[in-house]
PDB file of N, CA and C in Angstrom:
ATOM      1  N   MET A   1    -135.856-107.954  35.183  1.00  0.00           N
ATOM      2  CA  MET A   1    -135.127-107.662  36.580  1.00  0.00           C
ATOM      3  C   MET A   1    -134.350-106.391  36.325  1.00  0.00           C
ATOM      4  N   LYS A   2    -134.417-105.496  37.361  1.00  0.00           N
ATOM      5  CA  LYS A   2    -133.830-104.328  37.594  1.00  0.00           C
ATOM      6  C   LYS A   2    -132.452-104.427  37.818  1.00  0.00           C
ATOM      7  N   GLN A   3    -131.371-103.497  37.629  1.00  0.00           N
ATOM      8  CA  GLN A   3    -130.250-103.338  37.899  1.00  0.00           C
ATOM      9  C   GLN A   3    -129.792-102.016  37.859  1.00  0.00           C
ATOM     10  N   ARG A   4    -128.748-101.777  38.829  1.00  0.00           N
ATOM     11  CA  ARG A   4    -128.148-100.399  39.137  1.00  0.00           C
ATOM     12  C   ARG A   4    -126.586-100.456  39.751  1.00  0.00           C
ATOM     13  N   LEU A   5    -126.240 -99.342  39.508  1.00  0.00           N
ATOM     14  CA  LEU A   5    -124.659 -99.248  39.507  1.00  0.00           C
ATOM     15  C   LEU A   5    -124.819 -98.206  40.960  1.00  0.00           C
ATOM     16  N   LEU A   6    -123.758 -98.296  41.465  1.00  0.00           N
ATOM     17  CA  LEU A   6    -123.557 -97.392  42.875  1.00  0.00           C
ATOM     18  C   LEU A   6    -122.446 -97.092  43.083  1.00  0.00           C
ATOM     19  N   VAL A   7    -121.948 -95.784  42.369  1.00  0.00           N
ATOM     20  CA  VAL A   7    -120.293 -95.495  42.298  1.00  0.00           C
ATOM     21  C   VAL A   7    -120.062 -94.740  43.216  1.00  0.00           C
ATOM     22  N   MET A   8    -119.317 -95.169  44.399  1.00  0.00           N
ATOM     23  CA  MET A   8    -119.123 -94.018  45.431  1.00  0.00           C
ATOM     24  C   MET A   8    -117.603 -94.409  46.376  1.00  0.00           C
ATOM     25  N   ASN A   9    -117.109 -93.622  46.908  1.00  0.00           N
ATOM     26  CA  ASN A   9    -115.666 -94.122  47.525  1.00  0.00           C
ATOM     27  C   ASN A   9    -114.725 -94.972  46.889  1.00  0.00           C
ATOM     28  N   GLY A  10    -114.891 -94.612  45.672  1.00  0.00           N
ATOM     29  CA  GLY A  10    -113.792 -95.349  44.635  1.00  0.00           C
ATOM     30  C   GLY A  10    -114.035 -96.876  44.451  1.00  0.00           C
ATOM     31  N   GLN A  11    -115.792 -97.032  44.843  1.00  0.00           N
ATOM     32  CA  GLN A  11    -116.193 -98.450  44.585  1.00  0.00           C
ATOM     33  C   GLN A  11    -117.364 -98.324  43.308  1.00  0.00           C
ATOM     34  N   LYS A  12    -117.090 -99.323  42.451  1.00  0.00           N
ATOM     35  CA  LYS A  12    -118.370 -99.539  42.006  1.00  0.00           C
ATOM     36  C   LYS A  12    -119.411-101.008  42.170  1.00  0.00           C
ATOM     37  N   ILE A  13    -120.500-100.811  42.587  1.00  0.00           N
ATOM     38  CA  ILE A  13    -121.075-101.604  43.246  1.00  0.00           C
ATOM     39  C   ILE A  13    -122.406-101.972  42.030  1.00  0.00           C
ATOM     40  N   VAL A  14    -122.419-103.138  41.843  1.00  0.00           N
ATOM     41  CA  VAL A  14    -123.524-103.728  40.896  1.00  0.00           C
ATOM     42  C   VAL A  14    -124.675-104.343  41.947  1.00  0.00           C
ATOM     43  N   GLN A  15    -126.163-103.641  41.605  1.00  0.00           N
ATOM     44  CA  GLN A  15    -126.961-104.283  42.142  1.00  0.00           C
ATOM     45  C   GLN A  15    -128.228-104.699  41.462  1.00  0.00           C
ATOM     46  N   ASN A  16    -129.030-105.964  41.971  1.00  0.00           N
ATOM     47  CA  ASN A  16    -130.081-106.332  41.417  1.00  0.00           C
ATOM     48  C   ASN A  16    -131.243-106.217  42.292  1.00  0.00           C
ATOM     49  N   GLU A  17    -132.260-105.912  41.834  1.00  0.00           N
ATOM     50  CA  GLU A  17    -133.614-106.124  42.692  1.00  0.00           C
ATOM     51  C   GLU A  17    -134.184-107.419  42.720  1.00  0.00           C
ATOM     52  N   ARG A  18    -134.118-107.828  43.748  1.00  0.00           N
ATOM     53  CA  ARG A  18    -134.718-109.377  44.083  1.00  0.00           C
ATOM     54  C   ARG A  18    -136.166-109.102  45.231  1.00  0.00           C
ATOM     55  N   ASP A  19    -137.151-109.478  44.889  1.00  0.00           N
ATOM     56  CA  ASP A  19    -138.398-109.529  45.652  1.00  0.00           C
ATOM     57  C   ASP A  19    -138.395-108.056  46.502  1.00  0.00           C
ATOM     58  N   GLY A  20    -138.278-106.705  45.569  1.00  0.00           N
ATOM     59  CA  GLY A  20    -138.345-105.712  46.254  1.00  0.00           C
ATOM     60  C   GLY A  20    -137.100-105.136  47.028  1.00  0.00           C
ATOM     61  N   LYS A  21    -136.068-105.756  46.959  1.00  0.00           N
ATOM     62  CA  LYS A  21    -134.876-105.289  47.946  1.00  0.00           C
ATOM     63  C   LYS A  21    -133.708-105.267  46.903  1.00  0.00           C
ATOM     64  N   TRP A  22    -132.968-104.302  47.089  1.00  0.00           N
ATOM     65  CA  TRP A  22    -131.756-104.080  45.958  1.00  0.00           C
ATOM     66  C   TRP A  22    -130.583-105.111  46.874  1.00  0.00           C
ATOM     67  N   THR A  23    -129.618-106.039  46.107  1.00  0.00           N
ATOM     68  CA  THR A  23    -128.680-106.946  46.523  1.00  0.00           C
ATOM     69  C   THR A  23    -127.930-106.722  45.871  1.00  0.00           C
ATOM     70  N   THR A  24    -126.634-106.450  46.501  1.00  0.00           N
ATOM     71  CA  THR A  24    -125.437-106.584  45.877  1.00  0.00           C
ATOM     72  C   THR A  24    -124.663-107.631  45.085  1.00  0.00           C
ATOM     73  N   ASP A  25    -124.716-107.721  43.813  1.00  0.00           N
ATOM     74  CA  ASP A  25    -123.967-108.968  43.195  1.00  0.00           C
ATOM     75  C   ASP A  25    -122.444-108.714  42.992  1.00  0.00           C
ATOM     76  N   LYS A  26    -121.890-107.770  42.952  1.00  0.00           N
ATOM     77  CA  LYS A  26    -120.823-107.430  42.698  1.00  0.00           C
ATOM     78  C   LYS A  26    -120.060-106.076  42.898  1.00  0.00           C
ATOM     79  N   VAL A  27    -118.523-105.974  43.682  1.00  0.00           N
ATOM     80  CA  VAL A  27    -118.076-104.870  43.641  1.00  0.00           C
ATOM     81  C   VAL A  27    -116.763-104.917  43.268  1.00  0.00           C
ATOM     82  N   ASP A  28    -116.565-103.749  42.567  1.00  0.00           N
ATOM     83  CA  ASP A  28    -115.532-103.243  41.658  1.00  0.00           C
ATOM     84  C   ASP A  28    -114.591-102.025  42.116  1.00  0.00           C
ATOM     85  N   LYS A  29    -113.660-101.958  41.425  1.00  0.00           N
ATOM     86  CA  LYS A  29    -113.024-100.620  41.867  1.00  0.00           C
ATOM     87  C   LYS A  29    -113.747 -99.346  40.721  1.00  0.00           C
ATOM     88  N   ALA A  30    -113.907 -98.498  41.002  1.00  0.00           N
ATOM     89  CA  ALA A  30    -114.623 -97.661  39.842  1.00  0.00           C
ATOM     90  C   ALA A  30    -114.210 -96.852  38.993  1.00  0.00           C
ATOM     91  N   GLY A  31    -112.492 -96.696  39.299  1.00  0.00           N
ATOM     92  CA  GLY A  31    -111.667 -95.968  38.127  1.00  0.00           C
ATOM     93  C   GLY A  31    -111.881 -94.831  38.262  1.00  0.00           C
ATOM     94  N   VAL A  32    -112.378 -94.193  36.893  1.00  0.00           N
ATOM     95  CA  VAL A  32    -112.730 -92.585  36.701  1.00  0.00           C
ATOM     96  C   VAL A  32    -114.222 -92.814  36.400  1.00  0.00           C
ATOM     97  N   ILE A  33    -115.061 -93.449  36.584  1.00  0.00           N
ATOM     98  CA  ILE A  33    -116.647 -93.480  36.606  1.00  0.00           C
ATOM     99  C   ILE A  33    -116.868 -92.382  37.605  1.00  0.00           C
ATOM    100  N   PRO A  34    -117.666 -91.263  37.368  1.00  0.00           N
ATOM    101  CA  PRO A  34    -118.110 -90.414  38.417  1.00  0.00           C
ATOM    102  C   PRO A  34    -118.762 -90.766  39.296  1.00  0.00           C
ATOM    103  N   PRO A  35    -118.863 -90.944  40.731  1.00  0.00           N
ATOM    104  CA  PRO A  35    -119.759 -91.020  41.742  1.00  0.00           C
ATOM    105  C   PRO A  35    -121.296 -90.642  41.111  1.00  0.00           C
ATOM    106  N   GLY A  36    -121.997 -91.898  41.820  1.00  0.00           N
ATOM    107  CA  GLY A  36    -123.739 -91.197  41.724  1.00  0.00           C
ATOM    108  C   GLY A  36    -124.132 -92.891  41.401  1.00  0.00           C
ATOM    109  N   ILE A  37    -125.493 -92.739  41.210  1.00  0.00           N
ATOM    110  CA  ILE A  37    -126.329 -94.072  41.029  1.00  0.00           C
ATOM    111  C   ILE A  37    -127.202 -94.176  39.619  1.00  0.00           C
ATOM    112  N   TYR A  38    -126.698 -94.945  38.859  1.00  0.00           N
ATOM    113  CA  TYR A  38    -127.085 -95.117  37.749  1.00  0.00           C
ATOM    114  C   TYR A  38    -127.827 -96.510  37.239  1.00  0.00           C
ATOM    115  N   ASN A  39    -129.085 -95.924  37.155  1.00  0.00           N
ATOM    116  CA  ASN A  39    -130.139 -97.203  36.852  1.00  0.00           C
ATOM    117  C   ASN A  39    -130.100 -97.743  35.366  1.00  0.00           C
ATOM    118  N   ILE A  40    -129.095 -98.586  35.371  1.00  0.00           N
ATOM    119  CA  ILE A  40    -129.198 -98.960  33.841  1.00  0.00           C
ATOM    120  C   ILE A  40    -130.118 -99.987  33.363  1.00  0.00           C
ATOM    121  N   HIS A  41    -131.260-100.272  33.983  1.00  0.00           N
ATOM    122  CA  HIS A  41    -131.909-101.092  33.535  1.00  0.00           C
ATOM    123  C   HIS A  41    -132.968-100.225  33.027  1.00  0.00           C
ATOM    124  N   ILE A  42    -133.140 -98.931  32.922  1.00  0.00           N
ATOM    125  CA  ILE A  42    -133.871 -98.120  32.226  1.00  0.00           C
ATOM    126  C   ILE A  42    -132.881 -97.341  30.821  1.00  0.00           C
ATOM    127  N   ALA A  43    -131.956 -97.975  30.623  1.00  0.00           N
ATOM    128  CA  ALA A  43    -131.011 -97.469  29.521  1.00  0.00           C
ATOM    129  C   ALA A  43    -131.878 -98.122  28.410  1.00  0.00           C
ATOM    130  N   ALA A  44    -131.601 -97.169  27.484  1.00  0.00           N
ATOM    131  CA  ALA A  44    -132.114 -97.290  26.138  1.00  0.00           C
ATOM    132  C   ALA A  44    -131.207 -97.743  25.242  1.00  0.00           C
ATOM    133  N   MET A  45    -131.829 -98.497  24.310  1.00  0.00           N
ATOM    134  CA  MET A  45    -131.001 -99.094  23.001  1.00  0.00           C
ATOM    135  C   MET A  45    -130.044 -97.722  22.126  1.00  0.00           C
ATOM    136  N   ALA A  46    -128.831 -98.196  21.644  1.00  0.00           N
ATOM    137  CA  ALA A  46    -128.215 -96.859  21.288  1.00  0.00           C
ATOM    138  C   ALA A  46    -128.405 -96.813  19.911  1.00  0.00           C
ATOM    139  N   ASP A  47    -128.972 -95.993  19.088  1.00  0.00           N
ATOM    140  CA  ASP A  47    -129.385 -95.390  18.163  1.00  0.00           C
ATOM    141  C   ASP A  47    -128.185 -95.478  17.094  1.00  0.00           C
ATOM    142  N   LYS A  48    -127.952 -96.829  16.201  1.00  0.00           N
ATOM    143  CA  LYS A  48    -127.175 -97.301  15.809  1.00  0.00           C
ATOM    144  C   LYS A  48    -126.868 -96.129  14.186  1.00  0.00           C
ATOM    145  N   ALA A  49    -127.621 -95.432  14.044  1.00  0.00           N
ATOM    146  CA  ALA A  49    -127.964 -94.081  13.298  1.00  0.00           C
ATOM    147  C   ALA A  49    -127.031 -92.573  13.682  1.00  0.00           C
ATOM    148  N   LYS A  50    -126.802 -93.054  15.095  1.00  0.00           N
ATOM    149  CA  LYS A  50    -126.107 -91.515  15.907  1.00  0.00           C
ATOM    150  C   LYS A  50    -124.694 -91.914  16.391  1.00  0.00           C
ATOM    151  N   LYS A  51    -123.745 -90.933  16.653  1.00  0.00           N
ATOM    152  CA  LYS A  51    -122.659 -90.929  17.935  1.00  0.00           C
ATOM    153  C   LYS A  51    -123.054 -90.985  19.312  1.00  0.00           C
ATOM    154  N   HIS A  52    -122.465 -91.842  19.687  1.00  0.00           N
ATOM    155  CA  HIS A  52    -122.445 -91.909  21.263  1.00  0.00           C
ATOM    156  C   HIS A  52    -121.528 -91.489  22.121  1.00  0.00           C
ATOM    157  N   ASP A  53    -121.341 -90.518  22.460  1.00  0.00           N
ATOM    158  CA  ASP A  53    -120.059 -90.212  23.148  1.00  0.00           C
ATOM    159  C   ASP A  53    -120.094 -89.751  24.601  1.00  0.00           C
ATOM    160  N   GLY A  54    -119.340 -90.718  25.657  1.00  0.00           N
ATOM    161  CA  GLY A  54    -119.320 -90.440  26.677  1.00  0.00           C
ATOM    162  C   GLY A  54    -118.376 -91.363  27.635  1.00  0.00           C
ATOM    163  N   PRO A  55    -118.467 -91.581  28.974  1.00  0.00           N
ATOM    164  CA  PRO A  55    -117.865 -92.705  29.516  1.00  0.00           C
ATOM    165  C   PRO A  55    -118.500 -94.188  29.759  1.00  0.00           C
ATOM    166  N   ILE A  56    -118.102 -95.249  29.816  1.00  0.00           N
ATOM    167  CA  ILE A  56    -118.234 -96.433  29.754  1.00  0.00           C
ATOM    168  C   ILE A  56    -118.577 -96.903  31.158  1.00  0.00           C
ATOM    169  N   LEU A  57    -119.785 -97.034  31.307  1.00  0.00           N
ATOM    170  CA  LEU A  57    -120.166 -97.266  32.886  1.00  0.00           C
ATOM    171  C   LEU A  57    -119.971 -98.856  33.004  1.00  0.00           C
ATOM    172  N   HIS A  58    -120.223 -99.602  32.422  1.00  0.00           N
ATOM    173  CA  HIS A  58    -120.565-101.069  32.849  1.00  0.00           C
ATOM    174  C   HIS A  58    -120.739-101.987  31.579  1.00  0.00           C
ATOM    175  N   ALA A  59    -120.191-103.375  31.773  1.00  0.00           N
ATOM    176  CA  ALA A  59    -120.432-104.231  30.728  1.00  0.00           C
ATOM    177  C   ALA A  59    -121.131-105.489  31.530  1.00  0.00           C
ATOM    178  N   ASP A  60    -121.887-106.130  30.759  1.00  0.00           N
ATOM    179  CA  ASP A  60    -122.102-107.650  31.144  1.00  0.00           C
ATOM    180  C   ASP A  60    -122.255-108.326  30.023  1.00  0.00           C
ATOM    181  N   ASP A  61    -122.915-109.759  30.322  1.00  0.00           N
ATOM    182  CA  ASP A  61    -122.782-110.493  28.938  1.00  0.00           C
ATOM    183  C   ASP A  61    -123.358-110.095  27.980  1.00  0.00           C
ATOM    184  N   MET A  62    -124.265-109.357  27.682  1.00  0.00           N
ATOM    185  CA  MET A  62    -125.045-108.945  26.540  1.00  0.00           C
ATOM    186  C   MET A  62    -124.701-107.270  26.231  1.00  0.00           C
ATOM    187  N   HIS A  63    -124.612-106.591  27.040  1.00  0.00           N
ATOM    188  CA  HIS A  63    -124.621-104.853  26.386  1.00  0.00           C
ATOM    189  C   HIS A  63    -123.394-104.420  27.186  1.00  0.00           C
ATOM    190  N   VAL A  64    -122.917-103.309  26.692  1.00  0.00           N
ATOM    191  CA  VAL A  64    -121.967-102.275  27.113  1.00  0.00           C
ATOM    192  C   VAL A  64    -122.590-101.148  27.426  1.00  0.00           C
ATOM    193  N   PHE A  65    -122.609-100.446  28.446  1.00  0.00           N
ATOM    194  CA  PHE A  65    -123.327 -99.411  28.954  1.00  0.00           C
ATOM    195  C   PHE A  65    -122.815 -98.147  29.103  1.00  0.00           C
ATOM    196  N   GLN A  66    -123.202 -97.007  28.390  1.00  0.00           N
ATOM    197  CA  GLN A  66    -122.483 -96.154  28.347  1.00  0.00           C
ATOM    198  C   GLN A  66    -123.305 -94.604  28.604  1.00  0.00           C
ATOM    199  N   GLN A  67    -122.821 -94.008  29.705  1.00  0.00           N
ATOM    200  CA  GLN A  67    -123.475 -92.543  29.609  1.00  0.00           C
ATOM    201  C   GLN A  67    -122.964 -91.392  28.674  1.00  0.00           C
ATOM    202  N   VAL A  68    -124.363 -91.188  28.375  1.00  0.00           N
ATOM    203  CA  VAL A  68    -124.015 -89.938  27.274  1.00  0.00           C
ATOM    204  C   VAL A  68    -125.364 -88.629  27.631  1.00  0.00           C
ATOM    205  N   GLY A  69    -124.729 -87.763  27.816  1.00  0.00           N
ATOM    206  CA  GLY A  69    -125.372 -86.383  28.294  1.00  0.00           C
ATOM    207  C   GLY A  69    -125.836 -87.178  30.041  1.00  0.00           C
ATOM    208  N   LYS A  70    -126.972 -86.963  30.467  1.00  0.00           N
ATOM    209  CA  LYS A  70    -127.606 -87.372  31.559  1.00  0.00           C
ATOM    210  C   LYS A  70    -128.342 -88.711  30.966  1.00  0.00           C
ATOM    211  N   THR A  71    -128.342 -89.480  30.130  1.00  0.00           N
ATOM    212  CA  THR A  71    -129.149 -90.317  29.676  1.00  0.00           C
ATOM    213  C   THR A  71    -127.742 -91.643  29.590  1.00  0.00           C
ATOM    214  N   THR A  72    -128.200 -92.681  29.989  1.00  0.00           N
ATOM    215  CA  THR A  72    -127.489 -94.127  29.776  1.00  0.00           C
ATOM    216  C   THR A  72    -128.314 -94.897  28.651  1.00  0.00           C
ATOM    217  N   VAL A  73    -127.220 -94.969  27.554  1.00  0.00           N
ATOM    218  CA  VAL A  73    -127.513 -96.050  26.747  1.00  0.00           C
ATOM    219  C   VAL A  73    -126.730 -97.484  26.730  1.00  0.00           C
ATOM    220  N   LYS A  74    -127.533 -98.555  26.066  1.00  0.00           N
ATOM    221  CA  LYS A  74    -127.013 -99.699  26.144  1.00  0.00           C
ATOM    222  C   LYS A  74    -126.247-100.099  24.836  1.00  0.00           C
ATOM    223  N   HIS A  75    -125.271-100.533  24.056  1.00  0.00           N
ATOM    224  CA  HIS A  75    -124.824-101.297  23.032  1.00  0.00           C
ATOM    225  C   HIS A  75    -124.712-102.856  23.251  1.00  0.00           C
ATOM    226  N   GLU A  76    -125.103-103.482  22.168  1.00  0.00           N
ATOM    227  CA  GLU A  76    -124.613-104.754  22.437  1.00  0.00           C
ATOM    228  C   GLU A  76    -123.577-105.170  22.073  1.00  0.00           C
ATOM    229  N   LEU A  77    -123.153-105.914  23.094  1.00  0.00           N
ATOM    230  CA  LEU A  77    -121.850-106.447  23.200  1.00  0.00           C
ATOM    231  C   LEU A  77    -121.351-107.163  21.805  1.00  0.00           C
ATOM    232  N   LYS A  78    -122.173-107.708  21.301  1.00  0.00           N
ATOM    233  CA  LYS A  78    -121.501-108.276  20.209  1.00  0.00           C
ATOM    234  C   LYS A  78    -121.411-107.678  18.913  1.00  0.00           C
ATOM    235  N   ASP A  79    -121.836-106.339  19.023  1.00  0.00           N
ATOM    236  CA  ASP A  79    -121.625-105.396  18.225  1.00  0.00           C
ATOM    237  C   ASP A  79    -119.832-104.840  17.686  1.00  0.00           C
ATOM    238  N   PHE A  80    -119.217-105.169  19.038  1.00  0.00           N
ATOM    239  CA  PHE A  80    -118.108-104.838  19.272  1.00  0.00           C
ATOM    240  C   PHE A  80    -116.930-106.004  19.114  1.00  0.00           C
ATOM    241  N   ALA A  81    -115.440-105.342  18.036  1.00  0.00           N
ATOM    242  CA  ALA A  81    -114.802-106.133  18.212  1.00  0.00           C
ATOM    243  C   ALA A  81    -113.698-106.620  19.597  1.00  0.00           C
ATOM    244  N   ARG A  82    -113.604-105.718  20.093  1.00  0.00           N
ATOM    245  CA  ARG A  82    -113.288-105.828  21.482  1.00  0.00           C
ATOM    246  C   ARG A  82    -114.026-104.949  22.414  1.00  0.00           C
ATOM    247  N   LEU A  83    -113.926-105.422  23.707  1.00  0.00           N
ATOM    248  CA  LEU A  83    -114.706-104.399  24.533  1.00  0.00           C
ATOM    249  C   LEU A  83    -114.270-103.436  25.079  1.00  0.00           C
ATOM    250  N   PRO A  84    -114.539-102.190  25.196  1.00  0.00           N
ATOM    251  CA  PRO A  84    -114.228-101.145  25.524  1.00  0.00           C
ATOM    252  C   PRO A  84    -113.677-100.864  27.105  1.00  0.00           C
ATOM    253  N   GLU A  85    -112.440-100.155  27.477  1.00  0.00           N
ATOM    254  CA  GLU A  85    -112.240-100.090  28.651  1.00  0.00           C
ATOM    255  C   GLU A  85    -113.387 -99.126  29.521  1.00  0.00           C
ATOM    256  N   ILE A  86    -113.413-100.204  30.833  1.00  0.00           N
ATOM    257  CA  ILE A  86    -114.548 -99.146  31.668  1.00  0.00           C
ATOM    258  C   ILE A  86    -114.026 -98.210  32.145  1.00  0.00           C
ATOM    259  N   GLY A  87    -115.415 -96.861  31.978  1.00  0.00           N
ATOM    260  CA  GLY A  87    -114.401 -95.713  32.688  1.00  0.00           C
ATOM    261  C   GLY A  87    -113.495 -94.931  31.396  1.00  0.00           C
ATOM    262  N   ASN A  88    -113.478 -95.392  30.700  1.00  0.00           N
ATOM    263  CA  ASN A  88    -113.119 -94.622  29.304  1.00  0.00           C
ATOM    264  C   ASN A  88    -114.135 -93.910  28.856  1.00  0.00           C
ATOM    265  N   ASN A  89    -113.935 -92.059  28.722  1.00  0.00           N
ATOM    266  CA  ASN A  89    -114.603 -91.343  27.652  1.00  0.00           C
ATOM    267  C   ASN A  89    -114.344 -91.941  26.399  1.00  0.00           C
ATOM    268  N   ILE A  90    -115.411 -92.503  25.647  1.00  0.00           N
ATOM    269  CA  ILE A  90    -115.106 -92.907  24.425  1.00  0.00           C
ATOM    270  C   ILE A  90    -116.194 -92.402  23.060  1.00  0.00           C
ATOM    271  N   LEU A  91    -116.032 -92.503  21.904  1.00  0.00           N
ATOM    272  CA  LEU A  91    -117.191 -91.917  21.073  1.00  0.00           C
ATOM    273  C   LEU A  91    -117.407 -93.268  20.407  1.00  0.00           C
ATOM    274  N   ILE A  92    -118.594 -93.874  20.088  1.00  0.00           N
ATOM    275  CA  ILE A  92    -118.890 -94.720  19.551  1.00  0.00           C
ATOM    276  C   ILE A  92    -119.836 -94.605  18.351  1.00  0.00           C
ATOM    277  N   LYS A  93    -119.684 -94.873  17.316  1.00  0.00           N
ATOM    278  CA  LYS A  93    -120.427 -94.937  15.823  1.00  0.00           C
ATOM    279  C   LYS A  93    -120.401 -96.342  15.590  1.00  0.00           C
ATOM    280  N   TYR A  94    -121.500 -96.017  14.254  1.00  0.00           N
ATOM    281  CA  TYR A  94    -121.733 -97.582  13.742  1.00  0.00           C
ATOM    282  C   TYR A  94    -121.619 -97.631  12.230  1.00  0.00           C
ATOM    283  N   GLN A  95    -120.964 -98.431  11.621  1.00  0.00           N
ATOM    284  CA  GLN A  95    -120.289 -98.559  10.267  1.00  0.00           C
ATOM    285  C   GLN A  95    -120.778-100.254  10.129  1.00  0.00           C
ATOM    286  N   ALA A  96    -121.804-100.421   8.749  1.00  0.00           N
ATOM    287  CA  ALA A  96    -122.277-101.726   8.635  1.00  0.00           C
ATOM    288  C   ALA A  96    -122.660-102.561   9.958  1.00  0.00           C
ATOM    289  N   GLY A  97    -123.560-101.838  10.976  1.00  0.00           N
ATOM    290  CA  GLY A  97    -123.860-102.329  12.262  1.00  0.00           C
ATOM    291  C   GLY A  97    -122.566-102.975  13.208  1.00  0.00           C
ATOM    292  N   LEU A  98    -121.672-102.433  13.103  1.00  0.00           N
ATOM    293  CA  LEU A  98    -120.549-103.162  13.575  1.00  0.00           C
ATOM    294  C   LEU A  98    -120.259-101.348  14.548  1.00  0.00           C
ATOM    295  N   ALA A  99    -119.865-101.585  15.862  1.00  0.00           N
ATOM    296  CA  ALA A  99    -119.235-100.342  16.692  1.00  0.00           C
ATOM    297  C   ALA A  99    -118.034-100.017  16.651  1.00  0.00           C
ATOM    298  N   MET A 100    -117.858 -98.438  15.998  1.00  0.00           N
ATOM    299  CA  MET A 100    -116.469 -98.633  16.072  1.00  0.00           C
ATOM    300  C   MET A 100    -116.384 -97.468  17.271  1.00  0.00           C
ATOM    301  N   VAL A 101    -114.889 -97.449  17.613  1.00  0.00           N
ATOM    302  CA  VAL A 101    -114.652 -96.865  18.553  1.00  0.00           C
ATOM    303  C   VAL A 101    -113.620 -96.115  18.486  1.00  0.00           C
ATOM    304  N   ALA A 102    -113.885 -94.712  19.130  1.00  0.00           N
ATOM    305  CA  ALA A 102    -112.781 -93.548  18.820  1.00  0.00           C
ATOM    306  C   ALA A 102    -112.499 -92.879  20.104  1.00  0.00           C
ATOM    307  N   PRO A 103    -111.617 -91.819  20.150  1.00  0.00           N
ATOM    308  CA  PRO A 103    -111.443 -91.342  21.308  1.00  0.00           C
ATOM    309  C   PRO A 103    -112.560 -90.064  21.410  1.00  0.00           C
ATOM    310  N   SER A 104    -112.681 -90.103  22.842  1.00  0.00           N
ATOM    311  CA  SER A 104    -113.852 -88.941  22.841  1.00  0.00           C
ATOM    312  C   SER A 104    -113.852 -87.549  22.274  1.00  0.00           C
ATOM    313  N   THR A 105    -114.931 -86.954  22.269  1.00  0.00           N
ATOM    314  CA  THR A 105    -114.696 -85.612  21.760  1.00  0.00           C
ATOM    315  C   THR A 105    -114.889 -84.561  22.732  1.00  0.00           C
ATOM    316  N   LEU A 106    -115.099 -84.919  24.015  1.00  0.00           N
ATOM    317  CA  LEU A 106    -116.025 -84.190  25.215  1.00  0.00           C
ATOM    318  C   LEU A 106    -114.561 -83.677  25.846  1.00  0.00           C
ATOM    319  N   SER A 107    -114.329 -82.427  26.327  1.00  0.00           N
ATOM    320  CA  SER A 107    -113.333 -82.096  27.112  1.00  0.00           C
ATOM    321  C   SER A 107    -113.834 -82.057  28.574  1.00  0.00           C
ATOM    322  N   HIS A 108    -113.276 -82.512  29.604  1.00  0.00           N
ATOM    323  CA  HIS A 108    -113.284 -82.072  31.122  1.00  0.00           C
ATOM    324  C   HIS A 108    -112.453 -81.245  31.674  1.00  0.00           C
ATOM    325  N   SER A 109    -112.419 -80.302  31.398  1.00  0.00           N
ATOM    326  CA  SER A 109    -111.567 -78.988  31.778  1.00  0.00           C
ATOM    327  C   SER A 109    -112.550 -78.463  32.772  1.00  0.00           C
ATOM    328  N   ARG A 110    -111.771 -77.548  33.915  1.00  0.00           N
ATOM    329  CA  ARG A 110    -112.377 -76.939  34.558  1.00  0.00           C
ATOM    330  C   ARG A 110    -111.352 -75.463  35.050  1.00  0.00           C
ATOM    331  N   LYS A 111    -112.442 -74.490  35.018  1.00  0.00           N
ATOM    332  CA  LYS A 111    -111.837 -73.005  34.864  1.00  0.00           C
ATOM    333  C   LYS A 111    -111.840 -72.712  36.770  1.00  0.00           C
ATOM    334  N   LEU A 112    -110.743 -71.889  37.046  1.00  0.00           N
ATOM    335  CA  LEU A 112    -111.033 -71.642  38.424  1.00  0.00           C
ATOM    336  C   LEU A 112    -111.350 -70.350  38.316  1.00  0.00           C
ATOM    337  N   SER A 113    -112.368 -70.185  39.375  1.00  0.00           N
ATOM    338  CA  SER A 113    -113.408 -69.044  39.303  1.00  0.00           C
ATOM    339  C   SER A 113    -112.254 -67.533  40.522  1.00  0.00           C
ATOM    340  N   ARG A 114    -112.329 -66.610  40.193  1.00  0.00           N
ATOM    341  CA  ARG A 114    -111.896 -65.426  40.929  1.00  0.00           C
ATOM    342  C   ARG A 114    -112.619 -64.320  41.266  1.00  0.00           C
TER     343      ARG A 114
END
């Protein structure tokens, strides 16, 4: 089953494809998730040997989805002691197979051009 997130106008819309048509399953507040279309059905499993830094987009019954650069990765929900807050930028690394959550090392500053 294909699943995607639509983030626009302050709303996060979870959609699933059924019979070739996208149907809305859930609508929540987007919080600080950047606007866009996130095709979470093509998310790759997170490599437990690497660090993953970026915003948490969504969580379902089995996975936590995180945007890392221009890609989306999914972490197994069972690897977390506590579900990370949706929308927060965090750094996830693995120790002994468990996901460790730390503050993000990404900076979100904008410079004014003159």
